[in-house]
């Protein structure tokens, strides 16, 4: 599963989730239902947290 931010055109999140059955956009969150019945909810991090992650990865250009 890959989530893209279309404004700066970058891959915002990527994770391996086996056997995705359904992707739902409900209540302001993205929900992923897998083949084994697990439900995952993706929650967007606040700006401060996102910047800290980019700085830790030495991706200063993206942070700017």
PDB file of N, CA and C in Angstrom:
ATOM      1  N   UNK A   1       0.857  -1.172   0.000  1.00  0.00           N
ATOM      2  CA  UNK A   1       0.000   0.000   0.000  1.00  0.00           C
ATOM      3  C   UNK A   1       0.896   1.226   0.000  1.00  0.00           C
ATOM      4  N   UNK A   2       0.630   2.161  -0.888  1.00  0.00           N
ATOM      5  CA  UNK A   2       1.374   3.416  -0.939  1.00  0.00           C
ATOM      6  C   UNK A   2       0.375   4.567  -0.930  1.00  0.00           C
ATOM      7  N   UNK A   3       0.658   5.576  -0.109  1.00  0.00           N
ATOM      8  CA  UNK A   3      -0.174   6.776  -0.028  1.00  0.00           C
ATOM      9  C   UNK A   3       0.667   7.932  -0.556  1.00  0.00           C
ATOM     10  N   UNK A   4       0.123   8.668  -1.504  1.00  0.00           N
ATOM     11  CA  UNK A   4       0.839   9.780  -2.118  1.00  0.00           C
ATOM     12  C   UNK A   4       0.204  11.104  -1.731  1.00  0.00           C
ATOM     13  N   UNK A   5       1.070  12.093  -1.467  1.00  0.00           N
ATOM     14  CA  UNK A   5       0.636  13.469  -1.244  1.00  0.00           C
ATOM     15  C   UNK A   5       0.789  14.178  -2.584  1.00  0.00           C
ATOM     16  N   UNK A   6      -0.307  14.583  -3.181  1.00  0.00           N
ATOM     17  CA  UNK A   6      -0.252  15.140  -4.529  1.00  0.00           C
ATOM     18  C   UNK A   6       0.205  16.592  -4.586  1.00  0.00           C
ATOM     19  N   UNK A   7       0.181  17.299  -3.465  1.00  0.00           N
ATOM     20  CA  UNK A   7       0.608  18.695  -3.484  1.00  0.00           C
ATOM     21  C   UNK A   7       2.114  18.799  -3.733  1.00  0.00           C
ATOM     22  N   UNK A   8       2.975  18.226  -2.883  1.00  0.00           N
ATOM     23  CA  UNK A   8       4.402  18.258  -3.221  1.00  0.00           C
ATOM     24  C   UNK A   8       4.815  17.076  -4.100  1.00  0.00           C
ATOM     25  N   UNK A   9       3.874  16.225  -4.495  1.00  0.00           N
ATOM     26  CA  UNK A   9       4.097  15.065  -5.349  1.00  0.00           C
ATOM     27  C   UNK A   9       5.178  14.140  -4.787  1.00  0.00           C
ATOM     28  N   UNK A  10       4.910  13.576  -3.636  1.00  0.00           N
ATOM     29  CA  UNK A  10       5.827  12.621  -3.033  1.00  0.00           C
ATOM     30  C   UNK A  10       5.055  11.482  -2.395  1.00  0.00           C
ATOM     31  N   UNK A  11       5.771  10.393  -2.184  1.00  0.00           N
ATOM     32  CA  UNK A  11       5.156   9.250  -1.520  1.00  0.00           C
ATOM     33  C   UNK A  11       5.172   9.529  -0.027  1.00  0.00           C
ATOM     34  N   UNK A  12       4.000   9.669   0.563  1.00  0.00           N
ATOM     35  CA  UNK A  12       3.887  10.065   1.958  1.00  0.00           C
ATOM     36  C   UNK A  12       3.995   8.882   2.911  1.00  0.00           C
ATOM     37  N   UNK A  13       3.613   7.690   2.443  1.00  0.00           N
ATOM     38  CA  UNK A  13       3.589   6.531   3.336  1.00  0.00           C
ATOM     39  C   UNK A  13       3.600   5.267   2.493  1.00  0.00           C
ATOM     40  N   UNK A  14       4.288   4.251   2.995  1.00  0.00           N
ATOM     41  CA  UNK A  14       4.312   2.971   2.300  1.00  0.00           C
ATOM     42  C   UNK A  14       4.412   1.861   3.337  1.00  0.00           C
ATOM     43  N   UNK A  15       3.615   0.818   3.148  1.00  0.00           N
ATOM     44  CA  UNK A  15       3.633  -0.307   4.083  1.00  0.00           C
ATOM     45  C   UNK A  15       3.181  -1.561   3.342  1.00  0.00           C
ATOM     46  N   UNK A  16       3.734  -2.681   3.740  1.00  0.00           N
ATOM     47  CA  UNK A  16       3.303  -3.952   3.168  1.00  0.00           C
ATOM     48  C   UNK A  16       2.137  -4.517   3.959  1.00  0.00           C
ATOM     49  N   UNK A  17       0.969  -4.554   3.355  1.00  0.00           N
ATOM     50  CA  UNK A  17      -0.215  -5.142   3.983  1.00  0.00           C
ATOM     51  C   UNK A  17      -0.694  -6.253   3.051  1.00  0.00           C
ATOM     52  N   UNK A  18      -0.653  -7.502   3.515  1.00  0.00           N
ATOM     53  CA  UNK A  18      -1.043  -8.604   2.631  1.00  0.00           C
ATOM     54  C   UNK A  18      -2.556  -8.674   2.423  1.00  0.00           C
ATOM     55  N   UNK A  19      -2.939  -9.062   1.227  1.00  0.00           N
ATOM     56  CA  UNK A  19      -4.328  -9.370   0.877  1.00  0.00           C
ATOM     57  C   UNK A  19      -5.315  -8.262   1.246  1.00  0.00           C
ATOM     58  N   UNK A  20      -5.123  -7.087   0.694  1.00  0.00           N
ATOM     59  CA  UNK A  20      -6.065  -5.986   0.923  1.00  0.00           C
ATOM     60  C   UNK A  20      -7.377  -6.308   0.221  1.00  0.00           C
ATOM     61  N   UNK A  21      -8.459  -6.278   0.972  1.00  0.00           N
ATOM     62  CA  UNK A  21      -9.781  -6.553   0.421  1.00  0.00           C
ATOM     63  C   UNK A  21     -10.527  -5.275   0.057  1.00  0.00           C
ATOM     64  N   UNK A  22     -10.346  -4.237   0.877  1.00  0.00           N
ATOM     65  CA  UNK A  22     -11.131  -3.025   0.682  1.00  0.00           C
ATOM     66  C   UNK A  22     -10.398  -1.835   1.304  1.00  0.00           C
ATOM     67  N   UNK A  23     -10.488  -0.686   0.653  1.00  0.00           N
ATOM     68  CA  UNK A  23      -9.959   0.568   1.187  1.00  0.00           C
ATOM     69  C   UNK A  23     -11.138   1.527   1.318  1.00  0.00           C
ATOM     70  N   UNK A  24     -11.339   2.053   2.520  1.00  0.00           N
ATOM     71  CA  UNK A  24     -12.478   2.928   2.806  1.00  0.00           C
ATOM     72  C   UNK A  24     -11.992   4.292   3.281  1.00  0.00           C
ATOM     73  N   UNK A  25     -12.680   5.326   2.884  1.00  0.00           N
ATOM     74  CA  UNK A  25     -12.426   6.679   3.369  1.00  0.00           C
ATOM     75  C   UNK A  25     -13.652   7.101   4.168  1.00  0.00           C
ATOM     76  N   UNK A  26     -13.583   6.901   5.478  1.00  0.00           N
ATOM     77  CA  UNK A  26     -14.713   7.192   6.358  1.00  0.00           C
ATOM     78  C   UNK A  26     -14.245   7.950   7.594  1.00  0.00           C
ATOM     79  N   UNK A  27     -15.057   8.874   8.060  1.00  0.00           N
ATOM     80  CA  UNK A  27     -14.847   9.614   9.308  1.00  0.00           C
ATOM     81  C   UNK A  27     -13.503  10.340   9.326  1.00  0.00           C
ATOM     82  N   UNK A  28     -13.009  10.753   8.164  1.00  0.00           N
ATOM     83  CA  UNK A  28     -11.764  11.494   8.087  1.00  0.00           C
ATOM     84  C   UNK A  28     -10.514  10.639   8.137  1.00  0.00           C
ATOM     85  N   UNK A  29     -10.650   9.336   8.058  1.00  0.00           N
ATOM     86  CA  UNK A  29      -9.518   8.415   8.090  1.00  0.00           C
ATOM     87  C   UNK A  29      -9.595   7.459   6.903  1.00  0.00           C
ATOM     88  N   UNK A  30      -8.460   6.882   6.555  1.00  0.00           N
ATOM     89  CA  UNK A  30      -8.430   5.807   5.571  1.00  0.00           C
ATOM     90  C   UNK A  30      -8.396   4.497   6.340  1.00  0.00           C
ATOM     91  N   UNK A  31      -9.328   3.605   6.024  1.00  0.00           N
ATOM     92  CA  UNK A  31      -9.399   2.293   6.659  1.00  0.00           C
ATOM     93  C   UNK A  31      -9.055   1.230   5.625  1.00  0.00           C
ATOM     94  N   UNK A  32      -8.263   0.235   6.028  1.00  0.00           N
ATOM     95  CA  UNK A  32      -7.860  -0.865   5.161  1.00  0.00           C
ATOM     96  C   UNK A  32      -8.381  -2.154   5.775  1.00  0.00           C
ATOM     97  N   UNK A  33      -9.175  -2.897   5.022  1.00  0.00           N
ATOM     98  CA  UNK A  33      -9.675  -4.197   5.460  1.00  0.00           C
ATOM     99  C   UNK A  33      -8.886  -5.276   4.733  1.00  0.00           C
ATOM    100  N   UNK A  34      -8.292  -6.202   5.500  1.00  0.00           N
ATOM    101  CA  UNK A  34      -7.485  -7.265   4.906  1.00  0.00           C
ATOM    102  C   UNK A  34      -8.291  -8.549   4.781  1.00  0.00           C
ATOM    103  N   UNK A  35      -7.733  -9.497   4.047  1.00  0.00           N
ATOM    104  CA  UNK A  35      -8.406 -10.763   3.805  1.00  0.00           C
ATOM    105  C   UNK A  35      -8.642 -11.586   5.048  1.00  0.00           C
ATOM    106  N   UNK A  36      -7.834 -11.385   6.089  1.00  0.00           N
ATOM    107  CA  UNK A  36      -8.021 -12.145   7.330  1.00  0.00           C
ATOM    108  C   UNK A  36      -8.906 -11.415   8.335  1.00  0.00           C
ATOM    109  N   UNK A  37      -9.577 -10.351   7.883  1.00  0.00           N
ATOM    110  CA  UNK A  37     -10.545  -9.661   8.733  1.00  0.00           C
ATOM    111  C   UNK A  37      -9.979  -8.546   9.590  1.00  0.00           C
ATOM    112  N   UNK A  38      -8.696  -8.230   9.458  1.00  0.00           N
ATOM    113  CA  UNK A  38      -8.115  -7.141  10.242  1.00  0.00           C
ATOM    114  C   UNK A  38      -8.468  -5.802   9.604  1.00  0.00           C
ATOM    115  N   UNK A  39      -8.762  -4.823  10.440  1.00  0.00           N
ATOM    116  CA  UNK A  39      -9.070  -3.479   9.978  1.00  0.00           C
ATOM    117  C   UNK A  39      -7.972  -2.538  10.474  1.00  0.00           C
ATOM    118  N   UNK A  40      -7.312  -1.856   9.553  1.00  0.00           N
ATOM    119  CA  UNK A  40      -6.240  -0.916   9.880  1.00  0.00           C
ATOM    120  C   UNK A  40      -6.735   0.492   9.588  1.00  0.00           C
ATOM    121  N   UNK A  41      -6.393   1.438  10.457  1.00  0.00           N
ATOM    122  CA  UNK A  41      -6.765   2.832  10.241  1.00  0.00           C
ATOM    123  C   UNK A  41      -5.491   3.656  10.107  1.00  0.00           C
ATOM    124  N   UNK A  42      -5.396   4.437   9.031  1.00  0.00           N
ATOM    125  CA  UNK A  42      -4.267   5.331   8.829  1.00  0.00           C
ATOM    126  C   UNK A  42      -4.644   6.704   9.360  1.00  0.00           C
ATOM    127  N   UNK A  43      -3.780   7.257  10.204  1.00  0.00           N
ATOM    128  CA  UNK A  43      -4.026   8.560  10.814  1.00  0.00           C
ATOM    129  C   UNK A  43      -2.894   9.491  10.398  1.00  0.00           C
ATOM    130  N   UNK A  44      -3.245  10.650   9.858  1.00  0.00           N
ATOM    131  CA  UNK A  44      -2.242  11.606   9.406  1.00  0.00           C
ATOM    132  C   UNK A  44      -1.536  12.233  10.601  1.00  0.00           C
ATOM    133  N   UNK A  45      -0.208  12.310  10.515  1.00  0.00           N
ATOM    134  CA  UNK A  45       0.581  12.941  11.572  1.00  0.00           C
ATOM    135  C   UNK A  45       0.507  14.461  11.424  1.00  0.00           C
ATOM    136  N   UNK A  46       0.689  15.160  12.540  1.00  0.00           N
ATOM    137  CA  UNK A  46       0.697  16.616  12.485  1.00  0.00           C
ATOM    138  C   UNK A  46       1.986  17.102  11.816  1.00  0.00           C
ATOM    139  N   UNK A  47       2.003  18.371  11.430  1.00  0.00           N
ATOM    140  CA  UNK A  47       3.125  18.937  10.687  1.00  0.00           C
ATOM    141  C   UNK A  47       4.441  18.801  11.442  1.00  0.00           C
ATOM    142  N   UNK A  48       4.447  19.066  12.734  1.00  0.00           N
ATOM    143  CA  UNK A  48       5.668  18.981  13.538  1.00  0.00           C
ATOM    144  C   UNK A  48       6.249  17.567  13.498  1.00  0.00           C
ATOM    145  N   UNK A  49       5.415  16.561  13.639  1.00  0.00           N
ATOM    146  CA  UNK A  49       5.875  15.168  13.600  1.00  0.00           C
ATOM    147  C   UNK A  49       6.433  14.807  12.233  1.00  0.00           C
ATOM    148  N   UNK A  50       5.769  15.260  11.175  1.00  0.00           N
ATOM    149  CA  UNK A  50       6.242  14.965   9.814  1.00  0.00           C
ATOM    150  C   UNK A  50       7.600  15.609   9.556  1.00  0.00           C
ATOM    151  N   UNK A  51       7.778  16.853  10.003  1.00  0.00           N
ATOM    152  CA  UNK A  51       9.064  17.518   9.820  1.00  0.00           C
ATOM    153  C   UNK A  51      10.168  16.811  10.589  1.00  0.00           C
ATOM    154  N   UNK A  52       9.894  16.379  11.808  1.00  0.00           N
ATOM    155  CA  UNK A  52      10.892  15.647  12.587  1.00  0.00           C
ATOM    156  C   UNK A  52      11.331  14.374  11.882  1.00  0.00           C
ATOM    157  N   UNK A  53      10.390  13.656  11.284  1.00  0.00           N
ATOM    158  CA  UNK A  53      10.723  12.427  10.556  1.00  0.00           C
ATOM    159  C   UNK A  53      11.638  12.743   9.375  1.00  0.00           C
ATOM    160  N   UNK A  54      11.314  13.795   8.620  1.00  0.00           N
ATOM    161  CA  UNK A  54      12.146  14.166   7.478  1.00  0.00           C
ATOM    162  C   UNK A  54      13.544  14.577   7.916  1.00  0.00           C
ATOM    163  N   UNK A  55      13.661  15.343   8.997  1.00  0.00           N
ATOM    164  CA  UNK A  55      14.973  15.754   9.488  1.00  0.00           C
ATOM    165  C   UNK A  55      15.795  14.552   9.940  1.00  0.00           C
ATOM    166  N   UNK A  56      15.179  13.584  10.600  1.00  0.00           N
ATOM    167  CA  UNK A  56      15.891  12.383  11.046  1.00  0.00           C
ATOM    168  C   UNK A  56      16.411  11.564   9.870  1.00  0.00           C
ATOM    169  N   UNK A  57      15.705  11.638   8.738  1.00  0.00           N
ATOM    170  CA  UNK A  57      16.123  10.908   7.533  1.00  0.00           C
ATOM    171  C   UNK A  57      17.044  11.751   6.650  1.00  0.00           C
ATOM    172  N   UNK A  58      17.462  12.920   7.165  1.00  0.00           N
ATOM    173  CA  UNK A  58      18.319  13.848   6.421  1.00  0.00           C
ATOM    174  C   UNK A  58      17.701  14.275   5.093  1.00  0.00           C
ATOM    175  N   UNK A  59      16.393  14.403   5.051  1.00  0.00           N
ATOM    176  CA  UNK A  59      15.694  14.845   3.845  1.00  0.00           C
ATOM    177  C   UNK A  59      15.284  16.305   4.018  1.00  0.00           C
ATOM    178  N   UNK A  60      16.308  17.149   4.131  1.00  0.00           N
ATOM    179  CA  UNK A  60      16.079  18.556   4.426  1.00  0.00           C
ATOM    180  C   UNK A  60      15.349  19.278   3.295  1.00  0.00           C
ATOM    181  N   UNK A  61      15.628  18.913   2.046  1.00  0.00           N
ATOM    182  CA  UNK A  61      14.975  19.579   0.917  1.00  0.00           C
ATOM    183  C   UNK A  61      13.468  19.361   0.949  1.00  0.00           C
ATOM    184  N   UNK A  62      13.030  18.150   1.284  1.00  0.00           N
ATOM    185  CA  UNK A  62      11.599  17.883   1.381  1.00  0.00           C
ATOM    186  C   UNK A  62      10.976  18.633   2.550  1.00  0.00           C
ATOM    187  N   UNK A  63      11.740  18.779   3.629  1.00  0.00           N
ATOM    188  CA  UNK A  63      11.223  19.465   4.808  1.00  0.00           C
ATOM    189  C   UNK A  63      11.019  20.957   4.540  1.00  0.00           C
ATOM    190  N   UNK A  64      11.843  21.506   3.667  1.00  0.00           N
ATOM    191  CA  UNK A  64      11.717  22.931   3.346  1.00  0.00           C
ATOM    192  C   UNK A  64      10.564  23.138   2.418  1.00  0.00           C
TER     193      UNK A  64
END
